[in-house]
PDB file of N, CA and C in Angstrom:
ATOM      1  N   MET A   1       7.467 -13.224 -17.422  1.00  0.00           N
ATOM      2  CA  MET A   1       7.874 -12.389 -18.495  1.00  0.00           C
ATOM      3  C   MET A   1       9.192 -12.136 -18.228  1.00  0.00           C
ATOM      4  N   GLU A   2       9.775 -12.124 -19.885  1.00  0.00           N
ATOM      5  CA  GLU A   2      11.206 -11.812 -19.490  1.00  0.00           C
ATOM      6  C   GLU A   2      11.104 -10.767 -19.772  1.00  0.00           C
ATOM      7  N   ILE A   3      12.243 -10.235 -19.115  1.00  0.00           N
ATOM      8  CA  ILE A   3      12.669  -8.648 -19.203  1.00  0.00           C
ATOM      9  C   ILE A   3      13.798  -8.510 -20.616  1.00  0.00           C
ATOM     10  N   LYS A   4      13.901  -7.625 -21.088  1.00  0.00           N
ATOM     11  CA  LYS A   4      14.469  -7.934 -22.631  1.00  0.00           C
ATOM     12  C   LYS A   4      15.721  -7.102 -22.735  1.00  0.00           C
ATOM     13  N   ASN A   5      15.164  -6.156 -21.383  1.00  0.00           N
ATOM     14  CA  ASN A   5      16.509  -5.166 -21.475  1.00  0.00           C
ATOM     15  C   ASN A   5      16.508  -4.242 -20.291  1.00  0.00           C
ATOM     16  N   LYS A   6      17.432  -3.070 -20.004  1.00  0.00           N
ATOM     17  CA  LYS A   6      17.457  -2.663 -18.961  1.00  0.00           C
ATOM     18  C   LYS A   6      16.315  -1.607 -18.752  1.00  0.00           C
ATOM     19  N   GLN A   7      16.032  -0.956 -19.732  1.00  0.00           N
ATOM     20  CA  GLN A   7      14.966   0.513 -19.721  1.00  0.00           C
ATOM     21  C   GLN A   7      13.641  -0.612 -19.766  1.00  0.00           C
ATOM     22  N   GLN A   8      13.329  -1.559 -19.945  1.00  0.00           N
ATOM     23  CA  GLN A   8      12.040  -2.326 -19.816  1.00  0.00           C
ATOM     24  C   GLN A   8      12.094  -2.267 -18.135  1.00  0.00           C
ATOM     25  N   GLY A   9      13.254  -2.773 -17.573  1.00  0.00           N
ATOM     26  CA  GLY A   9      13.178  -3.191 -16.242  1.00  0.00           C
ATOM     27  C   GLY A   9      13.043  -2.105 -15.555  1.00  0.00           C
ATOM     28  N   ILE A  10      13.751  -0.906 -15.680  1.00  0.00           N
ATOM     29  CA  ILE A  10      13.511   0.645 -15.202  1.00  0.00           C
ATOM     30  C   ILE A  10      12.115   0.724 -15.076  1.00  0.00           C
ATOM     31  N   MET A  11      11.396   0.881 -16.557  1.00  0.00           N
ATOM     32  CA  MET A  11      10.031   1.379 -16.393  1.00  0.00           C
ATOM     33  C   MET A  11       9.081   0.327 -15.327  1.00  0.00           C
ATOM     34  N   ILE A  12       9.302  -1.013 -15.443  1.00  0.00           N
ATOM     35  CA  ILE A  12       8.794  -1.935 -14.433  1.00  0.00           C
ATOM     36  C   ILE A  12       9.264  -1.576 -13.097  1.00  0.00           C
ATOM     37  N   VAL A  13      10.214  -0.983 -12.670  1.00  0.00           N
ATOM     38  CA  VAL A  13      10.248  -0.290 -11.410  1.00  0.00           C
ATOM     39  C   VAL A  13       9.703   0.817 -11.227  1.00  0.00           C
ATOM     40  N   ALA A  14       9.516   1.622 -12.171  1.00  0.00           N
ATOM     41  CA  ALA A  14       8.646   3.037 -12.114  1.00  0.00           C
ATOM     42  C   ALA A  14       7.382   2.575 -12.177  1.00  0.00           C
ATOM     43  N   ASP A  15       6.977   1.422 -12.658  1.00  0.00           N
ATOM     44  CA  ASP A  15       5.444   0.811 -12.577  1.00  0.00           C
ATOM     45  C   ASP A  15       4.956   0.680 -10.926  1.00  0.00           C
ATOM     46  N   VAL A  16       6.335  -0.281 -10.092  1.00  0.00           N
ATOM     47  CA  VAL A  16       6.042  -0.603  -9.027  1.00  0.00           C
ATOM     48  C   VAL A  16       5.994   0.402  -7.763  1.00  0.00           C
ATOM     49  N   LEU A  17       6.885   1.375  -8.219  1.00  0.00           N
ATOM     50  CA  LEU A  17       7.154   2.404  -7.289  1.00  0.00           C
ATOM     51  C   LEU A  17       5.894   3.498  -7.361  1.00  0.00           C
ATOM     52  N   ASP A  18       5.268   3.438  -8.618  1.00  0.00           N
ATOM     53  CA  ASP A  18       4.053   4.699  -8.529  1.00  0.00           C
ATOM     54  C   ASP A  18       3.048   3.633  -7.728  1.00  0.00           C
ATOM     55  N   ILE A  19       2.714   2.253  -7.519  1.00  0.00           N
ATOM     56  CA  ILE A  19       1.815   1.341  -7.052  1.00  0.00           C
ATOM     57  C   ILE A  19       1.991   1.811  -5.420  1.00  0.00           C
ATOM     58  N   VAL A  20       3.141   1.786  -5.074  1.00  0.00           N
ATOM     59  CA  VAL A  20       3.689   1.436  -3.862  1.00  0.00           C
ATOM     60  C   VAL A  20       4.167   2.366  -2.860  1.00  0.00           C
ATOM     61  N   GLY A  21       4.196   3.790  -4.133  1.00  0.00           N
ATOM     62  CA  GLY A  21       5.099   4.833  -3.035  1.00  0.00           C
ATOM     63  C   GLY A  21       4.344   5.813  -3.362  1.00  0.00           C
ATOM     64  N   GLY A  22       5.092   6.858  -2.946  1.00  0.00           N
ATOM     65  CA  GLY A  22       3.656   8.247  -2.504  1.00  0.00           C
ATOM     66  C   GLY A  22       4.175   8.215  -0.425  1.00  0.00           C
ATOM     67  N   LYS A  23       3.444   8.965  -0.027  1.00  0.00           N
ATOM     68  CA  LYS A  23       3.287   8.784   1.080  1.00  0.00           C
ATOM     69  C   LYS A  23       2.108   8.061   1.594  1.00  0.00           C
ATOM     70  N   TRP A  24       0.936   7.486   1.195  1.00  0.00           N
ATOM     71  CA  TRP A  24       0.301   6.641   1.494  1.00  0.00           C
ATOM     72  C   TRP A  24      -0.161   5.198   1.327  1.00  0.00           C
ATOM     73  N   ARG A  25       0.104   5.002  -0.200  1.00  0.00           N
ATOM     74  CA  ARG A  25      -0.259   3.952  -0.735  1.00  0.00           C
ATOM     75  C   ARG A  25       0.134   2.506  -0.232  1.00  0.00           C
ATOM     76  N   GLY A  26       1.792   2.757   0.241  1.00  0.00           N
ATOM     77  CA  GLY A  26       2.616   1.491   0.797  1.00  0.00           C
ATOM     78  C   GLY A  26       1.927   1.450   2.181  1.00  0.00           C
ATOM     79  N   GLN A  27       1.673   2.277   2.715  1.00  0.00           N
ATOM     80  CA  GLN A  27       1.162   2.291   4.148  1.00  0.00           C
ATOM     81  C   GLN A  27      -0.247   1.355   3.802  1.00  0.00           C
ATOM     82  N   ILE A  28      -0.709   1.924   3.506  1.00  0.00           N
ATOM     83  CA  ILE A  28      -1.695   1.445   3.059  1.00  0.00           C
ATOM     84  C   ILE A  28      -2.231  -0.518   3.006  1.00  0.00           C
ATOM     85  N   LEU A  29      -1.248  -0.577   1.752  1.00  0.00           N
ATOM     86  CA  LEU A  29      -1.273  -1.981   1.563  1.00  0.00           C
ATOM     87  C   LEU A  29      -0.963  -2.691   2.794  1.00  0.00           C
ATOM     88  N   ALA A  30       0.163  -2.224   3.456  1.00  0.00           N
ATOM     89  CA  ALA A  30       0.933  -2.915   4.464  1.00  0.00           C
ATOM     90  C   ALA A  30       0.201  -2.751   5.997  1.00  0.00           C
ATOM     91  N   HIS A  31      -1.195  -2.100   5.986  1.00  0.00           N
ATOM     92  CA  HIS A  31      -2.028  -2.420   6.794  1.00  0.00           C
ATOM     93  C   HIS A  31      -3.113  -3.699   6.589  1.00  0.00           C
ATOM     94  N   LEU A  32      -3.092  -3.481   5.425  1.00  0.00           N
ATOM     95  CA  LEU A  32      -3.979  -4.452   5.056  1.00  0.00           C
ATOM     96  C   LEU A  32      -3.537  -5.584   4.991  1.00  0.00           C
ATOM     97  N   CYS A  33      -2.492  -5.974   4.853  1.00  0.00           N
ATOM     98  CA  CYS A  33      -1.615  -6.901   4.364  1.00  0.00           C
ATOM     99  C   CYS A  33      -2.310  -8.367   5.597  1.00  0.00           C
ATOM    100  N   ASP A  34      -2.396  -8.072   7.067  1.00  0.00           N
ATOM    101  CA  ASP A  34      -2.690  -8.569   8.097  1.00  0.00           C
ATOM    102  C   ASP A  34      -4.247  -9.409   7.755  1.00  0.00           C
ATOM    103  N   ASP A  35      -5.264  -8.187   7.896  1.00  0.00           N
ATOM    104  CA  ASP A  35      -6.240  -8.154   8.213  1.00  0.00           C
ATOM    105  C   ASP A  35      -7.320  -6.798   7.359  1.00  0.00           C
ATOM    106  N   PRO A  36      -8.440  -7.670   6.879  1.00  0.00           N
ATOM    107  CA  PRO A  36      -9.013  -6.005   6.163  1.00  0.00           C
ATOM    108  C   PRO A  36      -9.412  -5.366   7.416  1.00  0.00           C
ATOM    109  N   LYS A  37      -9.393  -4.154   6.997  1.00  0.00           N
ATOM    110  CA  LYS A  37      -9.732  -2.627   8.234  1.00  0.00           C
ATOM    111  C   LYS A  37     -10.808  -2.146   7.343  1.00  0.00           C
ATOM    112  N   ARG A  38     -11.794  -1.779   8.216  1.00  0.00           N
ATOM    113  CA  ARG A  38     -12.792  -0.541   7.905  1.00  0.00           C
ATOM    114  C   ARG A  38     -12.207   0.599   7.731  1.00  0.00           C
ATOM    115  N   PHE A  39     -13.028   1.670   6.936  1.00  0.00           N
ATOM    116  CA  PHE A  39     -12.193   2.896   6.576  1.00  0.00           C
ATOM    117  C   PHE A  39     -11.678   3.558   7.601  1.00  0.00           C
ATOM    118  N   ASN A  40     -12.511   3.730   8.924  1.00  0.00           N
ATOM    119  CA  ASN A  40     -12.096   4.458  10.331  1.00  0.00           C
ATOM    120  C   ASN A  40     -11.161   4.134  11.039  1.00  0.00           C
ATOM    121  N   GLU A  41     -10.447   2.328  10.226  1.00  0.00           N
ATOM    122  CA  GLU A  41      -9.256   1.973  11.060  1.00  0.00           C
ATOM    123  C   GLU A  41      -8.277   2.539  10.725  1.00  0.00           C
ATOM    124  N   LEU A  42      -8.086   2.715   9.575  1.00  0.00           N
ATOM    125  CA  LEU A  42      -7.458   2.887   8.472  1.00  0.00           C
ATOM    126  C   LEU A  42      -7.281   4.566   8.974  1.00  0.00           C
ATOM    127  N   LYS A  43      -7.818   5.059   8.640  1.00  0.00           N
ATOM    128  CA  LYS A  43      -7.622   6.532   9.184  1.00  0.00           C
ATOM    129  C   LYS A  43      -7.064   6.584   9.989  1.00  0.00           C
ATOM    130  N   THR A  44      -7.353   5.892  11.244  1.00  0.00           N
ATOM    131  CA  THR A  44      -6.890   6.000  12.948  1.00  0.00           C
ATOM    132  C   THR A  44      -5.150   5.519  12.968  1.00  0.00           C
ATOM    133  N   VAL A  45      -5.149   4.171  11.707  1.00  0.00           N
ATOM    134  CA  VAL A  45      -3.675   3.815  12.123  1.00  0.00           C
ATOM    135  C   VAL A  45      -2.728   4.949  10.912  1.00  0.00           C
ATOM    136  N   LEU A  46      -3.467   5.491  10.127  1.00  0.00           N
ATOM    137  CA  LEU A  46      -2.601   6.471   9.265  1.00  0.00           C
ATOM    138  C   LEU A  46      -2.721   7.591   9.965  1.00  0.00           C
ATOM    139  N   ASN A  47      -3.334   8.002  10.878  1.00  0.00           N
ATOM    140  CA  ASN A  47      -3.062   9.029  11.594  1.00  0.00           C
ATOM    141  C   ASN A  47      -3.296  10.436  10.954  1.00  0.00           C
ATOM    142  N   LYS A  48      -2.079  11.106  10.107  1.00  0.00           N
ATOM    143  CA  LYS A  48      -2.435  12.226   9.850  1.00  0.00           C
ATOM    144  C   LYS A  48      -3.118  12.503   8.387  1.00  0.00           C
ATOM    145  N   ILE A  49      -3.574  11.186   7.772  1.00  0.00           N
ATOM    146  CA  ILE A  49      -4.349  11.407   6.322  1.00  0.00           C
ATOM    147  C   ILE A  49      -5.587  11.722   6.449  1.00  0.00           C
ATOM    148  N   THR A  50      -6.184  12.705   5.538  1.00  0.00           N
ATOM    149  CA  THR A  50      -7.261  13.362   5.426  1.00  0.00           C
ATOM    150  C   THR A  50      -8.503  12.109   4.828  1.00  0.00           C
ATOM    151  N   SER A  51      -9.631  12.199   4.997  1.00  0.00           N
ATOM    152  CA  SER A  51     -10.832  11.370   4.784  1.00  0.00           C
ATOM    153  C   SER A  51     -10.471  11.545   3.259  1.00  0.00           C
ATOM    154  N   SER A  52     -10.727  12.709   2.668  1.00  0.00           N
ATOM    155  CA  SER A  52     -10.501  12.609   1.118  1.00  0.00           C
ATOM    156  C   SER A  52      -9.450  12.479   0.606  1.00  0.00           C
ATOM    157  N   THR A  53      -8.443  12.224   0.702  1.00  0.00           N
ATOM    158  CA  THR A  53      -7.302  11.345   0.590  1.00  0.00           C
ATOM    159  C   THR A  53      -7.198  10.067   0.715  1.00  0.00           C
ATOM    160  N   LEU A  54      -7.465   9.701   1.591  1.00  0.00           N
ATOM    161  CA  LEU A  54      -7.708   8.097   1.713  1.00  0.00           C
ATOM    162  C   LEU A  54      -8.845   7.616   1.115  1.00  0.00           C
ATOM    163  N   THR A  55     -10.052   8.150   0.410  1.00  0.00           N
ATOM    164  CA  THR A  55     -10.628   8.124  -0.100  1.00  0.00           C
ATOM    165  C   THR A  55     -10.108   7.690  -1.438  1.00  0.00           C
ATOM    166  N   LYS A  56      -9.543   8.924  -2.073  1.00  0.00           N
ATOM    167  CA  LYS A  56      -8.762   8.837  -2.601  1.00  0.00           C
ATOM    168  C   LYS A  56      -7.537   7.764  -3.558  1.00  0.00           C
ATOM    169  N   GLU A  57      -7.267   7.560  -2.053  1.00  0.00           N
ATOM    170  CA  GLU A  57      -5.915   6.439  -2.430  1.00  0.00           C
ATOM    171  C   GLU A  57      -6.825   4.840  -2.460  1.00  0.00           C
ATOM    172  N   LEU A  58      -7.527   4.729  -1.808  1.00  0.00           N
ATOM    173  CA  LEU A  58      -8.385   3.456  -1.677  1.00  0.00           C
ATOM    174  C   LEU A  58      -9.065   3.161  -3.005  1.00  0.00           C
ATOM    175  N   ARG A  59      -9.380   4.482  -3.591  1.00  0.00           N
ATOM    176  CA  ARG A  59     -10.017   4.096  -4.894  1.00  0.00           C
ATOM    177  C   ARG A  59      -9.068   3.701  -6.439  1.00  0.00           C
ATOM    178  N   TYR A  60      -8.047   4.335  -5.813  1.00  0.00           N
ATOM    179  CA  TYR A  60      -6.941   4.183  -6.907  1.00  0.00           C
ATOM    180  C   TYR A  60      -6.214   2.673  -6.613  1.00  0.00           C
ATOM    181  N   LEU A  61      -6.671   1.963  -5.713  1.00  0.00           N
ATOM    182  CA  LEU A  61      -6.279   0.667  -5.588  1.00  0.00           C
ATOM    183  C   LEU A  61      -7.412  -0.101  -5.492  1.00  0.00           C
ATOM    184  N   GLU A  62      -8.162   0.539  -5.660  1.00  0.00           N
ATOM    185  CA  GLU A  62      -9.405  -0.768  -5.906  1.00  0.00           C
ATOM    186  C   GLU A  62      -9.508  -1.139  -7.597  1.00  0.00           C
ATOM    187  N   ASP A  63      -9.360   0.742  -8.754  1.00  0.00           N
ATOM    188  CA  ASP A  63      -9.450   0.264  -9.703  1.00  0.00           C
ATOM    189  C   ASP A  63      -8.329  -0.456 -10.438  1.00  0.00           C
ATOM    190  N   ILE A  64      -6.963  -0.415  -9.801  1.00  0.00           N
ATOM    191  CA  ILE A  64      -5.946  -1.189  -9.839  1.00  0.00           C
ATOM    192  C   ILE A  64      -6.118  -2.677  -9.839  1.00  0.00           C
ATOM    193  N   LYS A  65      -7.229  -3.195  -8.845  1.00  0.00           N
ATOM    194  CA  LYS A  65      -7.626  -4.282  -8.625  1.00  0.00           C
ATOM    195  C   LYS A  65      -6.894  -5.176  -7.238  1.00  0.00           C
ATOM    196  N   MET A  66      -6.241  -3.756  -6.650  1.00  0.00           N
ATOM    197  CA  MET A  66      -5.046  -4.408  -5.139  1.00  0.00           C
ATOM    198  C   MET A  66      -6.104  -4.703  -4.387  1.00  0.00           C
ATOM    199  N   VAL A  67      -7.197  -3.998  -3.987  1.00  0.00           N
ATOM    200  CA  VAL A  67      -7.798  -3.766  -2.704  1.00  0.00           C
ATOM    201  C   VAL A  67      -9.594  -3.734  -2.997  1.00  0.00           C
ATOM    202  N   GLU A  68     -10.169  -4.862  -2.502  1.00  0.00           N
ATOM    203  CA  GLU A  68     -11.401  -4.502  -2.413  1.00  0.00           C
ATOM    204  C   GLU A  68     -12.330  -4.094  -1.348  1.00  0.00           C
ATOM    205  N   ARG A  69     -13.424  -3.260  -2.016  1.00  0.00           N
ATOM    206  CA  ARG A  69     -14.501  -2.906  -1.020  1.00  0.00           C
ATOM    207  C   ARG A  69     -15.490  -3.721  -0.667  1.00  0.00           C
ATOM    208  N   LYS A  70     -15.541  -3.516   0.071  1.00  0.00           N
ATOM    209  CA  LYS A  70     -16.860  -4.861   0.609  1.00  0.00           C
ATOM    210  C   LYS A  70     -18.152  -3.987   1.783  1.00  0.00           C
ATOM    211  N   ILE A  71     -19.294  -4.077   1.212  1.00  0.00           N
ATOM    212  CA  ILE A  71     -19.982  -3.341   2.407  1.00  0.00           C
ATOM    213  C   ILE A  71     -20.571  -4.401   3.179  1.00  0.00           C
ATOM    214  N   ILE A  72     -20.582  -4.254   4.569  1.00  0.00           N
ATOM    215  CA  ILE A  72     -20.793  -5.447   5.813  1.00  0.00           C
ATOM    216  C   ILE A  72     -22.235  -5.177   6.381  1.00  0.00           C
ATOM    217  N   GLN A  73     -22.316  -3.696   6.284  1.00  0.00           N
ATOM    218  CA  GLN A  73     -24.160  -3.571   7.064  1.00  0.00           C
ATOM    219  C   GLN A  73     -24.325  -2.380   5.870  1.00  0.00           C
ATOM    220  N   ASP A  74     -25.454  -2.334   6.047  1.00  0.00           N
ATOM    221  CA  ASP A  74     -26.626  -1.439   5.491  1.00  0.00           C
ATOM    222  C   ASP A  74     -26.516  -0.010   6.081  1.00  0.00           C
ATOM    223  N   LYS A  75     -27.345  -0.119   7.659  1.00  0.00           N
ATOM    224  CA  LYS A  75     -27.838   0.617   8.587  1.00  0.00           C
ATOM    225  C   LYS A  75     -27.237   0.512  10.021  1.00  0.00           C
ATOM    226  N   PRO A  76     -26.339   1.107  10.419  1.00  0.00           N
ATOM    227  CA  PRO A  76     -25.506   1.792   9.412  1.00  0.00           C
ATOM    228  C   PRO A  76     -24.210   1.404   8.810  1.00  0.00           C
ATOM    229  N   ILE A  77     -24.476   2.560   7.419  1.00  0.00           N
ATOM    230  CA  ILE A  77     -23.424   1.923   6.823  1.00  0.00           C
ATOM    231  C   ILE A  77     -21.666   1.268   6.955  1.00  0.00           C
ATOM    232  N   VAL A  78     -21.189   0.029   7.145  1.00  0.00           N
ATOM    233  CA  VAL A  78     -20.304  -0.116   7.413  1.00  0.00           C
ATOM    234  C   VAL A  78     -19.159  -1.063   6.247  1.00  0.00           C
ATOM    235  N   ILE A  79     -18.145  -0.830   5.752  1.00  0.00           N
ATOM    236  CA  ILE A  79     -17.388  -0.938   4.750  1.00  0.00           C
ATOM    237  C   ILE A  79     -16.232  -1.248   5.105  1.00  0.00           C
ATOM    238  N   GLU A  80     -15.529  -2.619   4.553  1.00  0.00           N
ATOM    239  CA  GLU A  80     -14.022  -2.968   5.106  1.00  0.00           C
ATOM    240  C   GLU A  80     -13.538  -3.157   3.688  1.00  0.00           C
ATOM    241  N   TYR A  81     -12.344  -3.068   3.927  1.00  0.00           N
ATOM    242  CA  TYR A  81     -11.138  -2.870   2.792  1.00  0.00           C
ATOM    243  C   TYR A  81     -10.139  -4.040   3.103  1.00  0.00           C
ATOM    244  N   LYS A  82     -10.219  -4.981   1.957  1.00  0.00           N
ATOM    245  CA  LYS A  82      -9.006  -5.788   2.029  1.00  0.00           C
ATOM    246  C   LYS A  82      -8.580  -5.917   0.735  1.00  0.00           C
ATOM    247  N   LEU A  83      -7.267  -6.646   1.125  1.00  0.00           N
ATOM    248  CA  LEU A  83      -6.426  -7.038  -0.278  1.00  0.00           C
ATOM    249  C   LEU A  83      -6.981  -8.098  -0.856  1.00  0.00           C
ATOM    250  N   THR A  84      -7.116  -7.736  -2.546  1.00  0.00           N
ATOM    251  CA  THR A  84      -7.911  -9.095  -3.095  1.00  0.00           C
ATOM    252  C   THR A  84      -6.071 -10.235  -3.444  1.00  0.00           C
ATOM    253  N   ASP A  85      -6.734 -11.048  -4.062  1.00  0.00           N
ATOM    254  CA  ASP A  85      -5.495 -12.058  -4.163  1.00  0.00           C
ATOM    255  C   ASP A  85      -4.860 -11.507  -4.815  1.00  0.00           C
ATOM    256  N   HIS A  86      -4.827 -10.820  -6.240  1.00  0.00           N
ATOM    257  CA  HIS A  86      -3.705  -9.956  -6.654  1.00  0.00           C
ATOM    258  C   HIS A  86      -3.168  -8.851  -5.569  1.00  0.00           C
ATOM    259  N   GLY A  87      -3.413  -8.368  -4.880  1.00  0.00           N
ATOM    260  CA  GLY A  87      -2.949  -7.635  -4.268  1.00  0.00           C
ATOM    261  C   GLY A  87      -2.535  -8.357  -2.735  1.00  0.00           C
ATOM    262  N   MET A  88      -2.643  -9.292  -2.558  1.00  0.00           N
ATOM    263  CA  MET A  88      -1.865 -10.262  -1.830  1.00  0.00           C
ATOM    264  C   MET A  88      -0.497 -10.616  -1.687  1.00  0.00           C
ATOM    265  N   SER A  89      -0.508 -10.234  -3.326  1.00  0.00           N
ATOM    266  CA  SER A  89       0.521 -10.747  -4.172  1.00  0.00           C
ATOM    267  C   SER A  89       2.207  -9.461  -3.790  1.00  0.00           C
ATOM    268  N   ILE A  90       1.767  -8.323  -3.289  1.00  0.00           N
ATOM    269  CA  ILE A  90       2.667  -7.560  -3.205  1.00  0.00           C
ATOM    270  C   ILE A  90       3.261  -7.674  -1.532  1.00  0.00           C
ATOM    271  N   LYS A  91       2.565  -8.665  -0.676  1.00  0.00           N
ATOM    272  CA  LYS A  91       3.477  -8.946   0.555  1.00  0.00           C
ATOM    273  C   LYS A  91       4.288  -9.152   0.443  1.00  0.00           C
ATOM    274  N   ASP A  92       4.934  -9.770   0.061  1.00  0.00           N
ATOM    275  CA  ASP A  92       6.159 -10.361   0.085  1.00  0.00           C
ATOM    276  C   ASP A  92       7.143  -9.299  -0.543  1.00  0.00           C
ATOM    277  N   LEU A  93       6.754  -8.357  -1.432  1.00  0.00           N
ATOM    278  CA  LEU A  93       8.036  -7.126  -1.431  1.00  0.00           C
ATOM    279  C   LEU A  93       7.435  -6.249  -0.194  1.00  0.00           C
ATOM    280  N   ILE A  94       6.372  -6.515   0.285  1.00  0.00           N
ATOM    281  CA  ILE A  94       6.270  -5.184   1.078  1.00  0.00           C
ATOM    282  C   ILE A  94       7.438  -5.541   2.677  1.00  0.00           C
ATOM    283  N   VAL A  95       7.489  -7.051   2.526  1.00  0.00           N
ATOM    284  CA  VAL A  95       8.110  -8.004   3.701  1.00  0.00           C
ATOM    285  C   VAL A  95       9.677  -7.550   3.595  1.00  0.00           C
ATOM    286  N   HIS A  96       9.547  -7.430   2.136  1.00  0.00           N
ATOM    287  CA  HIS A  96      11.558  -7.261   1.956  1.00  0.00           C
ATOM    288  C   HIS A  96      11.710  -5.850   2.069  1.00  0.00           C
ATOM    289  N   ILE A  97      10.957  -4.908   1.798  1.00  0.00           N
ATOM    290  CA  ILE A  97      10.918  -3.739   1.865  1.00  0.00           C
ATOM    291  C   ILE A  97      11.291  -3.477   3.502  1.00  0.00           C
ATOM    292  N   VAL A  98      10.162  -3.301   4.395  1.00  0.00           N
ATOM    293  CA  VAL A  98      10.786  -3.672   6.345  1.00  0.00           C
ATOM    294  C   VAL A  98      12.089  -4.410   6.081  1.00  0.00           C
ATOM    295  N   GLU A  99      12.238  -5.366   5.925  1.00  0.00           N
ATOM    296  CA  GLU A  99      13.658  -5.592   5.949  1.00  0.00           C
ATOM    297  C   GLU A  99      15.057  -4.817   5.751  1.00  0.00           C
ATOM    298  N   TRP A 100      15.011  -4.819   4.674  1.00  0.00           N
ATOM    299  CA  TRP A 100      15.583  -3.396   3.618  1.00  0.00           C
ATOM    300  C   TRP A 100      15.880  -2.323   4.790  1.00  0.00           C
ATOM    301  N   GLY A 101      14.398  -1.727   4.950  1.00  0.00           N
ATOM    302  CA  GLY A 101      14.743  -0.410   5.834  1.00  0.00           C
ATOM    303  C   GLY A 101      15.221  -0.794   7.663  1.00  0.00           C
ATOM    304  N   GLN A 102      14.675  -2.108   7.809  1.00  0.00           N
ATOM    305  CA  GLN A 102      15.497  -2.571   9.069  1.00  0.00           C
ATOM    306  C   GLN A 102      17.356  -2.422   9.138  1.00  0.00           C
ATOM    307  N   LYS A 103      17.530  -3.001   8.096  1.00  0.00           N
ATOM    308  CA  LYS A 103      19.391  -3.040   8.396  1.00  0.00           C
ATOM    309  C   LYS A 103      19.595  -1.810   7.728  1.00  0.00           C
ATOM    310  N   HIS A 104      19.038  -0.733   6.618  1.00  0.00           N
ATOM    311  CA  HIS A 104      19.960   0.015   6.167  1.00  0.00           C
ATOM    312  C   HIS A 104      19.562   1.725   6.562  1.00  0.00           C
ATOM    313  N   ARG A 105      18.259   1.683   7.831  1.00  0.00           N
ATOM    314  CA  ARG A 105      17.860   2.899   8.122  1.00  0.00           C
ATOM    315  C   ARG A 105      18.480   3.992   8.807  1.00  0.00           C
ATOM    316  N   ASP A 106      19.643   3.339   9.931  1.00  0.00           N
ATOM    317  CA  ASP A 106      20.200   4.264  10.368  1.00  0.00           C
ATOM    318  C   ASP A 106      21.035   4.779   9.286  1.00  0.00           C
ATOM    319  N   SER A 107      21.521   4.340   8.274  1.00  0.00           N
ATOM    320  CA  SER A 107      22.767   4.771   7.513  1.00  0.00           C
ATOM    321  C   SER A 107      22.031   6.090   6.393  1.00  0.00           C
ATOM    322  N   VAL A 108      21.049   5.458   6.153  1.00  0.00           N
ATOM    323  CA  VAL A 108      20.080   6.351   5.185  1.00  0.00           C
ATOM    324  C   VAL A 108      19.343   7.513   5.813  1.00  0.00           C
ATOM    325  N   PHE A 109      19.254   7.389   7.020  1.00  0.00           N
ATOM    326  CA  PHE A 109      18.672   8.693   8.150  1.00  0.00           C
ATOM    327  C   PHE A 109      19.844   9.368   9.191  1.00  0.00           C
ATOM    328  N   LYS A 110      20.913   9.165   8.764  1.00  0.00           N
ATOM    329  CA  LYS A 110      22.022   9.341   9.591  1.00  0.00           C
ATOM    330  C   LYS A 110      21.777  10.853   9.931  1.00  0.00           C
ATOM    331  N   LYS A 111      21.728  11.233  10.977  1.00  0.00           N
ATOM    332  CA  LYS A 111      22.267  12.784  10.931  1.00  0.00           C
ATOM    333  C   LYS A 111      23.399  13.487  10.836  1.00  0.00           C
ATOM    334  N   ASP A 112      23.516  14.487  10.267  1.00  0.00           N
ATOM    335  CA  ASP A 112      24.580  14.722  10.151  1.00  0.00           C
ATOM    336  C   ASP A 112      25.658  15.484  11.582  1.00  0.00           C
ATOM    337  N   GLU A 113      26.772  14.916  11.977  1.00  0.00           N
ATOM    338  CA  GLU A 113      27.422  15.673  13.124  1.00  0.00           C
ATOM    339  C   GLU A 113      28.023  16.595  12.929  1.00  0.00           C
TER     340      GLU A 113
END
């Protein structure tokens, strides 16, 4: 897709930030980049997320086809979440965000002296 003007590019940036932005979505996607995870595994690594918020964020990511929910076992129910092929396409972006964050973290979060 060719970007026709700056405003279209800005709208695309806003759309991407809507997906990876916020407090939890980017972290959820980053954790799923390497391996599928069960709900409780995600809840543990995300530490302070509530179950209802994690459920809401996972449902959103499922709705936009970034994450796939798979029932592994019926009794007791075991559900695993993994990135779809479409979701894996965001891995490069996450790697670039990590690299940028490593390079600029000190200056961005510099404490006032």
